């Protein structure tokens, strides 16, 4: 439709150049996406993280590259969220503690992708969905989304540490050695 509209000579030239630029950028994006997909298929850890519904190859690649070797974290459930800046800061004064904003340390792109993945994962993962709904009733939606992203990050870090799929993680959460948890 935009190509059919008649403008002046200068506007037509500018429009043509903008369309050429857009085509060039689209081809570069396609080339980069192809390369990233190839890298994701070769990485076993990325494949493992993709077993969690809602986590795509970009989020998995960003997380694996941001964390590096997961074994360097002694307590990944505490240290990984702190490393990526998803742990709440605490303020203490006169014996009272108050949770504040997240620290925002680490990769902002990884945090963004985790937030997007958490949003999608709540559609498929009943535990994450229940957690988000319960929290969003008493907290602002942004806080609930960030807390859900943190919970998803903890799940993904445990999956990496134990080398298990999302299905195995959920199964282990229900029973351990045939006893209820």
N, C-alpha and C. Protein backbone atom coordinates (compact mmCIF):
# COMPACT_ATOMS: atom_id res chain seq x y z
N UNK A 1 0.82 -1.18 0.00
CA UNK A 1 0.00 0.00 0.00
C UNK A 1 0.88 1.26 0.00
N UNK A 2 1.94 1.23 0.80
CA UNK A 2 2.81 2.40 0.86
C UNK A 2 3.55 2.64 -0.46
N UNK A 3 3.82 1.56 -1.16
CA UNK A 3 4.54 1.70 -2.43
C UNK A 3 3.65 2.33 -3.51
N UNK A 4 2.33 2.18 -3.39
CA UNK A 4 1.41 2.67 -4.42
C UNK A 4 1.03 4.14 -4.26
N UNK A 5 1.27 4.71 -3.09
CA UNK A 5 0.90 6.11 -2.85
C UNK A 5 1.84 7.02 -3.64
N UNK A 6 1.27 8.00 -4.29
CA UNK A 6 2.05 8.95 -5.07
C UNK A 6 2.48 10.12 -4.20
N UNK A 7 3.79 10.36 -4.16
CA UNK A 7 4.36 11.50 -3.47
C UNK A 7 5.14 12.32 -4.48
N UNK A 8 5.81 13.32 -3.99
CA UNK A 8 6.70 14.11 -4.83
C UNK A 8 7.95 13.30 -5.15
N UNK A 9 8.78 13.86 -6.02
CA UNK A 9 9.98 13.16 -6.46
C UNK A 9 10.93 12.84 -5.31
N UNK A 10 11.15 13.80 -4.41
CA UNK A 10 12.07 13.60 -3.28
C UNK A 10 11.52 12.54 -2.32
N UNK A 11 10.22 12.59 -2.04
CA UNK A 11 9.62 11.62 -1.12
C UNK A 11 9.65 10.21 -1.70
N UNK A 12 9.43 10.10 -3.03
CA UNK A 12 9.50 8.78 -3.68
C UNK A 12 10.90 8.21 -3.60
N UNK A 13 11.92 9.05 -3.79
CA UNK A 13 13.31 8.60 -3.68
C UNK A 13 13.61 8.15 -2.26
N UNK A 14 13.19 8.94 -1.29
CA UNK A 14 13.42 8.59 0.12
C UNK A 14 12.71 7.30 0.48
N UNK A 15 11.46 7.13 0.03
CA UNK A 15 10.70 5.91 0.30
C UNK A 15 11.40 4.70 -0.30
N UNK A 16 11.89 4.82 -1.51
CA UNK A 16 12.61 3.72 -2.15
C UNK A 16 13.86 3.33 -1.38
N UNK A 17 14.60 4.33 -0.90
CA UNK A 17 15.80 4.06 -0.13
C UNK A 17 15.46 3.38 1.20
N UNK A 18 14.38 3.81 1.84
CA UNK A 18 13.97 3.20 3.10
C UNK A 18 13.55 1.74 2.91
N UNK A 19 12.85 1.45 1.81
CA UNK A 19 12.48 0.06 1.54
C UNK A 19 13.70 -0.80 1.27
N UNK A 20 14.70 -0.26 0.54
CA UNK A 20 15.94 -1.01 0.31
C UNK A 20 16.68 -1.26 1.61
N UNK A 21 16.72 -0.26 2.49
CA UNK A 21 17.36 -0.42 3.79
C UNK A 21 16.64 -1.49 4.61
N UNK A 22 15.32 -1.48 4.58
CA UNK A 22 14.55 -2.47 5.32
C UNK A 22 14.82 -3.89 4.79
N UNK A 23 14.89 -4.05 3.49
CA UNK A 23 15.20 -5.35 2.91
C UNK A 23 16.59 -5.82 3.30
N UNK A 24 17.55 -4.90 3.30
CA UNK A 24 18.92 -5.24 3.69
C UNK A 24 18.97 -5.67 5.16
N UNK A 25 18.30 -4.93 6.03
CA UNK A 25 18.28 -5.29 7.45
C UNK A 25 17.58 -6.62 7.68
N UNK A 26 16.50 -6.86 6.97
CA UNK A 26 15.79 -8.14 7.12
C UNK A 26 16.67 -9.32 6.71
N UNK A 27 17.45 -9.14 5.66
CA UNK A 27 18.34 -10.25 5.24
C UNK A 27 19.44 -10.47 6.27
N UNK A 28 19.96 -9.39 6.88
CA UNK A 28 20.97 -9.54 7.93
C UNK A 28 20.39 -10.22 9.16
N UNK A 29 19.17 -9.87 9.52
CA UNK A 29 18.50 -10.49 10.66
C UNK A 29 18.28 -11.97 10.40
N UNK A 30 17.85 -12.31 9.20
CA UNK A 30 17.63 -13.71 8.84
C UNK A 30 18.93 -14.51 8.91
N UNK A 31 20.02 -13.93 8.44
CA UNK A 31 21.32 -14.59 8.50
C UNK A 31 21.75 -14.82 9.95
N UNK A 32 21.55 -13.82 10.79
CA UNK A 32 21.91 -13.95 12.20
C UNK A 32 21.03 -14.99 12.91
N UNK A 33 19.73 -14.98 12.63
CA UNK A 33 18.83 -15.97 13.23
C UNK A 33 19.21 -17.39 12.83
N UNK A 34 19.58 -17.58 11.57
CA UNK A 34 20.00 -18.90 11.10
C UNK A 34 21.24 -19.36 11.85
N UNK A 35 22.20 -18.46 12.02
CA UNK A 35 23.43 -18.79 12.75
C UNK A 35 23.11 -19.13 14.20
N UNK A 36 22.24 -18.35 14.85
CA UNK A 36 21.88 -18.61 16.24
C UNK A 36 21.15 -19.94 16.41
N UNK A 37 20.24 -20.24 15.49
CA UNK A 37 19.53 -21.53 15.56
C UNK A 37 20.49 -22.71 15.42
N UNK A 38 21.48 -22.55 14.54
CA UNK A 38 22.47 -23.60 14.36
C UNK A 38 23.28 -23.80 15.64
N UNK A 39 23.67 -22.69 16.27
CA UNK A 39 24.41 -22.77 17.54
C UNK A 39 23.55 -23.42 18.63
N UNK A 40 22.27 -23.09 18.65
CA UNK A 40 21.37 -23.65 19.66
C UNK A 40 21.21 -25.15 19.48
N UNK A 41 21.16 -25.62 18.24
CA UNK A 41 21.00 -27.05 17.99
C UNK A 41 22.25 -27.84 18.38
N UNK A 42 23.41 -27.19 18.36
CA UNK A 42 24.66 -27.88 18.70
C UNK A 42 24.92 -27.92 20.20
N UNK A 43 24.27 -27.07 20.98
CA UNK A 43 24.53 -26.96 22.41
C UNK A 43 23.54 -27.80 23.21
N UNK A 44 24.05 -28.78 23.95
CA UNK A 44 23.19 -29.69 24.72
C UNK A 44 22.46 -28.96 25.85
N UNK A 45 23.12 -27.99 26.48
CA UNK A 45 22.48 -27.26 27.56
C UNK A 45 21.30 -26.43 27.05
N UNK A 46 21.46 -25.85 25.87
CA UNK A 46 20.37 -25.08 25.28
C UNK A 46 19.20 -26.01 24.97
N UNK A 47 19.49 -27.17 24.44
CA UNK A 47 18.44 -28.15 24.15
C UNK A 47 17.71 -28.56 25.42
N UNK A 48 18.46 -28.70 26.50
CA UNK A 48 17.88 -29.07 27.78
C UNK A 48 16.92 -27.99 28.28
N UNK A 49 17.33 -26.73 28.18
CA UNK A 49 16.49 -25.63 28.64
C UNK A 49 15.25 -25.45 27.78
N UNK A 50 15.36 -25.80 26.51
CA UNK A 50 14.21 -25.67 25.61
C UNK A 50 13.11 -26.68 25.91
N UNK A 51 13.38 -27.66 26.77
CA UNK A 51 12.32 -28.60 27.16
C UNK A 51 11.28 -27.92 28.04
N UNK A 52 11.63 -26.78 28.64
CA UNK A 52 10.66 -25.99 29.40
C UNK A 52 9.82 -25.20 28.40
N UNK A 53 8.52 -25.43 28.39
CA UNK A 53 7.65 -24.70 27.46
C UNK A 53 7.70 -23.22 27.77
N UNK A 54 7.85 -22.43 26.74
CA UNK A 54 7.96 -20.99 26.90
C UNK A 54 9.38 -20.48 26.81
N UNK A 55 10.34 -21.37 26.90
CA UNK A 55 11.75 -20.99 26.78
C UNK A 55 12.21 -21.35 25.38
N UNK A 56 12.53 -20.33 24.59
CA UNK A 56 12.97 -20.54 23.23
C UNK A 56 14.48 -20.58 23.12
N UNK A 57 14.94 -20.70 21.90
CA UNK A 57 16.38 -20.85 21.70
C UNK A 57 17.14 -19.57 22.08
N UNK A 58 16.54 -18.40 21.88
CA UNK A 58 17.24 -17.16 22.24
C UNK A 58 17.42 -17.04 23.75
N UNK A 59 16.36 -17.32 24.50
CA UNK A 59 16.46 -17.25 25.96
C UNK A 59 17.45 -18.28 26.48
N UNK A 60 17.38 -19.49 25.94
CA UNK A 60 18.28 -20.55 26.38
C UNK A 60 19.73 -20.20 26.06
N UNK A 61 19.98 -19.71 24.85
CA UNK A 61 21.35 -19.31 24.47
C UNK A 61 21.85 -18.18 25.36
N UNK A 62 21.02 -17.18 25.59
CA UNK A 62 21.43 -16.05 26.43
C UNK A 62 21.76 -16.50 27.84
N UNK A 63 20.94 -17.39 28.39
CA UNK A 63 21.15 -17.86 29.75
C UNK A 63 22.42 -18.70 29.86
N UNK A 64 22.60 -19.63 28.94
CA UNK A 64 23.79 -20.49 28.96
C UNK A 64 25.05 -19.65 28.81
N UNK A 65 25.02 -18.67 27.92
CA UNK A 65 26.21 -17.83 27.72
C UNK A 65 26.44 -16.87 28.87
N UNK A 66 25.37 -16.39 29.49
CA UNK A 66 25.53 -15.47 30.62
C UNK A 66 26.07 -16.19 31.85
N UNK A 67 25.62 -17.43 32.07
CA UNK A 67 26.02 -18.17 33.26
C UNK A 67 27.36 -18.86 33.11
N UNK A 68 27.67 -19.30 31.92
CA UNK A 68 28.91 -20.06 31.74
C UNK A 68 28.77 -21.43 32.38
N UNK A 69 29.79 -21.86 33.11
CA UNK A 69 29.77 -23.16 33.77
C UNK A 69 28.94 -23.06 35.05
N UNK A 70 27.83 -23.77 35.09
CA UNK A 70 26.91 -23.70 36.24
C UNK A 70 27.53 -24.28 37.50
N UNK A 71 28.52 -25.15 37.35
CA UNK A 71 29.13 -25.78 38.52
C UNK A 71 29.95 -24.79 39.36
N UNK A 72 30.21 -23.61 38.84
CA UNK A 72 30.96 -22.62 39.62
C UNK A 72 30.11 -21.99 40.71
N UNK A 73 28.80 -22.20 40.66
CA UNK A 73 27.91 -21.69 41.70
C UNK A 73 27.69 -22.77 42.74
N UNK A 74 28.04 -22.48 43.99
CA UNK A 74 27.85 -23.45 45.07
C UNK A 74 26.37 -23.68 45.36
N UNK A 75 25.61 -22.61 45.39
CA UNK A 75 24.17 -22.67 45.64
C UNK A 75 23.46 -21.93 44.51
N UNK A 76 23.21 -22.61 43.39
CA UNK A 76 22.66 -21.93 42.22
C UNK A 76 21.28 -21.31 42.45
N UNK A 77 20.49 -21.87 43.37
CA UNK A 77 19.16 -21.30 43.58
C UNK A 77 19.22 -19.90 44.19
N UNK A 78 20.30 -19.59 44.88
CA UNK A 78 20.48 -18.26 45.47
C UNK A 78 21.42 -17.40 44.63
N UNK A 79 22.50 -18.00 44.14
CA UNK A 79 23.55 -17.22 43.50
C UNK A 79 23.23 -16.83 42.06
N UNK A 80 22.53 -17.70 41.32
CA UNK A 80 22.24 -17.39 39.92
C UNK A 80 21.30 -16.19 39.80
N UNK A 81 20.19 -16.12 40.57
CA UNK A 81 19.38 -14.90 40.48
C UNK A 81 20.14 -13.64 40.89
N UNK A 82 21.02 -13.75 41.88
CA UNK A 82 21.82 -12.60 42.28
C UNK A 82 22.80 -12.22 41.17
N UNK A 83 23.38 -13.21 40.51
CA UNK A 83 24.33 -12.97 39.43
C UNK A 83 23.67 -12.24 38.26
N UNK A 84 22.41 -12.59 37.97
CA UNK A 84 21.71 -11.97 36.86
C UNK A 84 20.88 -10.76 37.27
N UNK A 85 20.89 -10.43 38.56
CA UNK A 85 20.21 -9.22 39.01
C UNK A 85 18.73 -9.37 39.25
N UNK A 86 18.25 -10.58 39.51
CA UNK A 86 16.83 -10.80 39.77
C UNK A 86 16.52 -11.03 41.24
N UNK A 87 17.46 -10.74 42.13
CA UNK A 87 17.18 -10.89 43.55
C UNK A 87 16.77 -9.53 44.10
N UNK A 88 15.80 -9.51 45.03
CA UNK A 88 15.37 -8.23 45.58
C UNK A 88 16.40 -7.66 46.55
N UNK A 89 16.59 -6.38 46.50
CA UNK A 89 17.47 -5.70 47.44
C UNK A 89 16.70 -5.48 48.74
N UNK A 90 17.39 -5.57 49.86
CA UNK A 90 16.73 -5.38 51.15
C UNK A 90 17.29 -4.15 51.82
N UNK A 91 16.40 -3.40 52.44
CA UNK A 91 16.81 -2.25 53.24
C UNK A 91 16.45 -2.55 54.68
N UNK A 92 17.39 -2.28 55.56
CA UNK A 92 17.15 -2.55 56.97
C UNK A 92 17.46 -1.30 57.78
N UNK A 93 16.52 -0.96 58.64
CA UNK A 93 16.70 0.19 59.50
C UNK A 93 15.87 -0.01 60.76
N UNK A 94 16.46 0.21 61.89
CA UNK A 94 15.80 0.09 63.19
C UNK A 94 15.17 -1.29 63.37
N UNK A 95 15.87 -2.31 62.89
CA UNK A 95 15.39 -3.67 63.08
C UNK A 95 14.27 -4.09 62.14
N UNK A 96 13.91 -3.23 61.19
CA UNK A 96 12.85 -3.56 60.23
C UNK A 96 13.48 -3.82 58.87
N UNK A 97 12.99 -4.84 58.20
CA UNK A 97 13.48 -5.18 56.87
C UNK A 97 12.41 -4.88 55.84
N UNK A 98 12.84 -4.36 54.72
CA UNK A 98 11.91 -4.07 53.64
C UNK A 98 12.55 -4.49 52.32
N UNK A 99 11.83 -5.28 51.54
CA UNK A 99 12.33 -5.68 50.23
C UNK A 99 12.11 -4.55 49.25
N UNK A 100 13.09 -4.34 48.42
CA UNK A 100 13.01 -3.26 47.45
C UNK A 100 13.02 -3.79 46.03
N UNK A 101 13.54 -2.99 45.13
CA UNK A 101 13.64 -3.36 43.72
C UNK A 101 14.72 -4.43 43.53
N UNK A 102 14.75 -5.01 42.33
CA UNK A 102 15.80 -5.96 42.01
C UNK A 102 17.11 -5.19 41.82
N UNK A 103 18.23 -5.89 41.93
CA UNK A 103 19.53 -5.22 41.87
C UNK A 103 19.92 -4.83 40.45
N UNK A 104 19.42 -5.51 39.45
CA UNK A 104 19.72 -5.26 38.04
C UNK A 104 21.19 -5.48 37.69
N UNK A 105 21.86 -6.34 38.44
CA UNK A 105 23.23 -6.71 38.09
C UNK A 105 23.15 -7.70 36.93
N UNK A 106 24.20 -7.88 36.22
CA UNK A 106 24.23 -8.87 35.16
C UNK A 106 23.62 -8.36 33.86
N UNK A 107 23.33 -9.29 33.00
CA UNK A 107 22.88 -8.99 31.64
C UNK A 107 21.41 -8.55 31.60
N UNK A 108 21.18 -7.34 31.12
CA UNK A 108 19.81 -6.84 31.01
C UNK A 108 19.05 -7.58 29.91
N UNK A 109 19.75 -8.00 28.87
CA UNK A 109 19.09 -8.74 27.79
C UNK A 109 18.59 -10.08 28.30
N UNK A 110 19.41 -10.76 29.10
CA UNK A 110 19.00 -12.05 29.66
C UNK A 110 17.81 -11.86 30.59
N UNK A 111 17.81 -10.81 31.40
CA UNK A 111 16.67 -10.54 32.27
C UNK A 111 15.41 -10.28 31.46
N UNK A 112 15.54 -9.51 30.39
CA UNK A 112 14.40 -9.23 29.53
C UNK A 112 13.85 -10.51 28.92
N UNK A 113 14.74 -11.35 28.38
CA UNK A 113 14.30 -12.60 27.76
C UNK A 113 13.66 -13.54 28.78
N UNK A 114 14.19 -13.57 30.00
CA UNK A 114 13.59 -14.39 31.05
C UNK A 114 12.19 -13.89 31.40
N UNK A 115 12.02 -12.58 31.41
CA UNK A 115 10.69 -12.02 31.67
C UNK A 115 9.70 -12.41 30.59
N UNK A 116 10.13 -12.37 29.34
CA UNK A 116 9.25 -12.77 28.24
C UNK A 116 8.94 -14.26 28.31
N UNK A 117 9.96 -15.06 28.62
CA UNK A 117 9.75 -16.51 28.73
C UNK A 117 8.84 -16.85 29.90
N UNK A 118 8.98 -16.13 31.00
CA UNK A 118 8.12 -16.37 32.16
C UNK A 118 6.67 -16.07 31.81
N UNK A 119 6.46 -15.00 31.05
CA UNK A 119 5.11 -14.64 30.64
C UNK A 119 4.46 -15.76 29.81
N UNK A 120 5.24 -16.33 28.91
CA UNK A 120 4.72 -17.41 28.06
C UNK A 120 4.61 -18.71 28.85
N UNK A 121 5.59 -18.97 29.72
CA UNK A 121 5.60 -20.22 30.49
C UNK A 121 4.39 -20.34 31.42
N UNK A 122 3.88 -19.20 31.89
CA UNK A 122 2.71 -19.27 32.78
C UNK A 122 1.48 -19.81 32.07
N UNK A 123 1.48 -19.80 30.76
CA UNK A 123 0.36 -20.39 30.02
C UNK A 123 0.39 -21.91 30.08
N UNK A 124 1.57 -22.49 30.20
CA UNK A 124 1.72 -23.93 30.10
C UNK A 124 2.06 -24.60 31.43
N UNK A 125 2.79 -23.93 32.28
CA UNK A 125 3.24 -24.50 33.54
C UNK A 125 2.26 -24.09 34.64
N UNK A 126 1.51 -25.05 35.16
CA UNK A 126 0.46 -24.76 36.13
C UNK A 126 1.02 -24.19 37.44
N UNK A 127 2.20 -24.65 37.84
CA UNK A 127 2.79 -24.13 39.08
C UNK A 127 3.18 -22.66 38.93
N UNK A 128 3.80 -22.33 37.81
CA UNK A 128 4.16 -20.93 37.57
C UNK A 128 2.92 -20.06 37.45
N UNK A 129 1.90 -20.60 36.80
CA UNK A 129 0.65 -19.86 36.63
C UNK A 129 0.00 -19.57 37.98
N UNK A 130 -0.06 -20.58 38.83
CA UNK A 130 -0.65 -20.40 40.16
C UNK A 130 0.16 -19.41 40.99
N UNK A 131 1.49 -19.50 40.88
CA UNK A 131 2.37 -18.58 41.60
C UNK A 131 2.11 -17.14 41.15
N UNK A 132 2.05 -16.94 39.84
CA UNK A 132 1.83 -15.59 39.31
C UNK A 132 0.47 -15.05 39.74
N UNK A 133 -0.57 -15.87 39.63
CA UNK A 133 -1.91 -15.41 39.99
C UNK A 133 -2.00 -15.08 41.48
N UNK A 134 -1.42 -15.91 42.30
CA UNK A 134 -1.45 -15.69 43.75
C UNK A 134 -0.73 -14.39 44.10
N UNK A 135 0.42 -14.16 43.47
CA UNK A 135 1.20 -12.97 43.77
C UNK A 135 0.57 -11.70 43.20
N UNK A 136 -0.04 -11.81 42.01
CA UNK A 136 -0.60 -10.62 41.37
C UNK A 136 -1.85 -10.11 42.09
N UNK A 137 -2.43 -10.92 42.96
CA UNK A 137 -3.58 -10.45 43.74
C UNK A 137 -3.18 -9.47 44.83
N UNK A 138 -1.95 -9.61 45.35
CA UNK A 138 -1.54 -8.76 46.46
C UNK A 138 -0.38 -7.82 46.13
N UNK A 139 0.23 -7.98 44.96
CA UNK A 139 1.36 -7.14 44.55
C UNK A 139 1.06 -6.53 43.19
N UNK A 140 1.76 -5.47 42.82
CA UNK A 140 1.61 -4.94 41.45
C UNK A 140 2.03 -5.99 40.41
N UNK A 141 1.43 -5.91 39.24
CA UNK A 141 1.67 -6.91 38.20
C UNK A 141 3.15 -6.99 37.80
N UNK A 142 3.84 -5.86 37.77
CA UNK A 142 5.27 -5.86 37.42
C UNK A 142 6.10 -6.64 38.42
N UNK A 143 5.75 -6.51 39.69
CA UNK A 143 6.46 -7.25 40.74
C UNK A 143 6.18 -8.74 40.58
N UNK A 144 4.92 -9.09 40.29
CA UNK A 144 4.56 -10.50 40.12
C UNK A 144 5.28 -11.09 38.90
N UNK A 145 5.38 -10.33 37.81
CA UNK A 145 6.07 -10.82 36.62
C UNK A 145 7.56 -11.04 36.90
N UNK A 146 8.17 -10.12 37.62
CA UNK A 146 9.59 -10.24 37.94
C UNK A 146 9.84 -11.44 38.86
N UNK A 147 8.96 -11.63 39.84
CA UNK A 147 9.09 -12.77 40.74
C UNK A 147 8.90 -14.09 39.99
N UNK A 148 8.00 -14.10 39.03
CA UNK A 148 7.79 -15.31 38.21
C UNK A 148 9.02 -15.58 37.35
N UNK A 149 9.62 -14.53 36.81
CA UNK A 149 10.85 -14.69 36.02
C UNK A 149 11.97 -15.25 36.89
N UNK A 150 12.04 -14.79 38.14
CA UNK A 150 13.05 -15.30 39.07
C UNK A 150 12.81 -16.77 39.37
N UNK A 151 11.55 -17.13 39.57
CA UNK A 151 11.20 -18.53 39.85
C UNK A 151 11.56 -19.41 38.65
N UNK A 152 11.28 -18.93 37.44
CA UNK A 152 11.65 -19.67 36.23
C UNK A 152 13.16 -19.81 36.14
N UNK A 153 13.90 -18.76 36.46
CA UNK A 153 15.36 -18.81 36.44
C UNK A 153 15.90 -19.85 37.40
N UNK A 154 15.32 -19.93 38.58
CA UNK A 154 15.75 -20.94 39.56
C UNK A 154 15.51 -22.34 39.00
N UNK A 155 14.34 -22.54 38.38
CA UNK A 155 14.03 -23.84 37.79
C UNK A 155 15.04 -24.18 36.69
N UNK A 156 15.33 -23.22 35.83
CA UNK A 156 16.27 -23.47 34.73
C UNK A 156 17.68 -23.74 35.25
N UNK A 157 18.08 -23.05 36.30
CA UNK A 157 19.43 -23.29 36.85
C UNK A 157 19.53 -24.66 37.49
N UNK A 158 18.46 -25.12 38.13
CA UNK A 158 18.46 -26.48 38.69
C UNK A 158 18.50 -27.51 37.57
N UNK A 159 17.76 -27.24 36.48
CA UNK A 159 17.79 -28.14 35.34
C UNK A 159 19.21 -28.25 34.78
N UNK A 160 19.92 -27.13 34.69
CA UNK A 160 21.30 -27.16 34.21
C UNK A 160 22.21 -27.89 35.18
N UNK A 161 22.06 -27.59 36.46
CA UNK A 161 22.93 -28.20 37.48
C UNK A 161 22.77 -29.72 37.51
N UNK A 162 21.52 -30.19 37.50
CA UNK A 162 21.26 -31.63 37.61
C UNK A 162 21.19 -32.33 36.26
N UNK A 163 21.29 -31.56 35.16
CA UNK A 163 21.22 -32.10 33.81
C UNK A 163 19.93 -32.90 33.61
N UNK A 164 18.80 -32.25 33.89
CA UNK A 164 17.49 -32.89 33.75
C UNK A 164 16.58 -32.03 32.89
N UNK A 165 15.55 -32.65 32.33
CA UNK A 165 14.58 -31.93 31.52
C UNK A 165 13.54 -31.28 32.43
N UNK A 166 12.70 -30.45 31.83
CA UNK A 166 11.64 -29.79 32.60
C UNK A 166 10.64 -30.82 33.11
N UNK A 167 10.37 -31.82 32.31
CA UNK A 167 9.45 -32.89 32.73
C UNK A 167 10.00 -33.63 33.94
N UNK A 168 11.29 -33.93 33.92
CA UNK A 168 11.93 -34.60 35.05
C UNK A 168 11.93 -33.70 36.28
N UNK A 169 12.16 -32.42 36.10
CA UNK A 169 12.12 -31.46 37.21
C UNK A 169 10.75 -31.46 37.87
N UNK A 170 9.69 -31.38 37.05
CA UNK A 170 8.33 -31.38 37.60
C UNK A 170 7.99 -32.69 38.28
N UNK A 171 8.46 -33.80 37.71
CA UNK A 171 8.20 -35.11 38.32
C UNK A 171 8.91 -35.21 39.67
N UNK A 172 10.14 -34.75 39.73
CA UNK A 172 10.89 -34.79 40.99
C UNK A 172 10.26 -33.89 42.04
N UNK A 173 9.64 -32.81 41.61
CA UNK A 173 9.01 -31.89 42.55
C UNK A 173 7.83 -32.50 43.26
N UNK A 174 7.16 -33.44 42.61
CA UNK A 174 6.01 -34.08 43.23
C UNK A 174 6.41 -35.19 44.20
N UNK A 175 7.35 -36.02 43.76
CA UNK A 175 7.79 -37.12 44.61
C UNK A 175 9.29 -37.28 44.55
N UNK A 176 9.87 -37.57 45.68
CA UNK A 176 11.29 -37.90 45.75
C UNK A 176 11.37 -39.21 46.53
N UNK A 177 11.92 -40.24 45.89
CA UNK A 177 11.98 -41.57 46.49
C UNK A 177 10.62 -42.06 46.96
N UNK A 178 9.60 -41.87 46.12
CA UNK A 178 8.24 -42.32 46.37
C UNK A 178 7.62 -41.71 47.63
N UNK A 179 8.08 -40.56 48.05
CA UNK A 179 7.45 -39.87 49.18
C UNK A 179 7.03 -38.48 48.71
N UNK A 180 5.95 -37.98 49.27
CA UNK A 180 5.46 -36.65 48.89
C UNK A 180 6.41 -35.58 49.39
N UNK A 181 6.59 -34.55 48.57
CA UNK A 181 7.44 -33.43 48.97
C UNK A 181 6.57 -32.25 49.34
